[in-house]
């Protein structure tokens, strides 16, 4: 069951990057 926790942490990192990209795009527009 350790795989699920690792996957969750990985998704959290992806969400952080996604949020930063969205903020940069909103600034560019």
C-alpha atoms as a PDB file:
ATOM      1  CA  UNK A   1       0.000   0.000   0.000  1.00  0.00           C
ATOM      2  CA  UNK A   2       3.068   2.260  -0.079  1.00  0.00           C
ATOM      3  CA  UNK A   3       2.611   2.783  -3.807  1.00  0.00           C
ATOM      4  CA  UNK A   4      -0.608   4.749  -3.273  1.00  0.00           C
ATOM      5  CA  UNK A   5       1.044   7.259  -0.944  1.00  0.00           C
ATOM      6  CA  UNK A   6       3.946   7.715  -3.355  1.00  0.00           C
ATOM      7  CA  UNK A   7       1.476   8.288  -6.200  1.00  0.00           C
ATOM      8  CA  UNK A   8      -0.400  10.869  -4.098  1.00  0.00           C
ATOM      9  CA  UNK A   9       2.799  12.813  -3.404  1.00  0.00           C
ATOM     10  CA  UNK A  10       3.664  12.704  -7.108  1.00  0.00           C
ATOM     11  CA  UNK A  11       0.238  14.133  -8.006  1.00  0.00           C
ATOM     12  CA  UNK A  12       0.653  16.892  -5.436  1.00  0.00           C
ATOM     13  CA  UNK A  13       3.918  17.918  -7.119  1.00  0.00           C
ATOM     14  CA  UNK A  14       2.221  17.888 -10.531  1.00  0.00           C
ATOM     15  CA  UNK A  15      -0.625  20.023  -9.130  1.00  0.00           C
ATOM     16  CA  UNK A  16       1.899  22.588  -7.832  1.00  0.00           C
ATOM     17  CA  UNK A  17       3.568  22.852 -11.242  1.00  0.00           C
ATOM     18  CA  UNK A  18       0.166  23.035 -12.956  1.00  0.00           C
ATOM     19  CA  UNK A  19      -0.938  25.844 -10.657  1.00  0.00           C
ATOM     20  CA  UNK A  20       2.255  27.811 -11.337  1.00  0.00           C
ATOM     21  CA  UNK A  21       1.824  27.404 -15.100  1.00  0.00           C
ATOM     22  CA  UNK A  22      -1.796  28.582 -14.880  1.00  0.00           C
ATOM     23  CA  UNK A  23      -0.733  31.704 -12.933  1.00  0.00           C
ATOM     24  CA  UNK A  24       1.986  32.492 -15.503  1.00  0.00           C
ATOM     25  CA  UNK A  25      -0.482  32.012 -18.366  1.00  0.00           C
ATOM     26  CA  UNK A  26      -3.033  34.298 -16.712  1.00  0.00           C
ATOM     27  CA  UNK A  27      -0.292  36.935 -16.357  1.00  0.00           C
ATOM     28  CA  UNK A  28       0.723  36.556 -20.025  1.00  0.00           C
ATOM     29  CA  UNK A  29      -2.838  37.016 -21.307  1.00  0.00           C
END
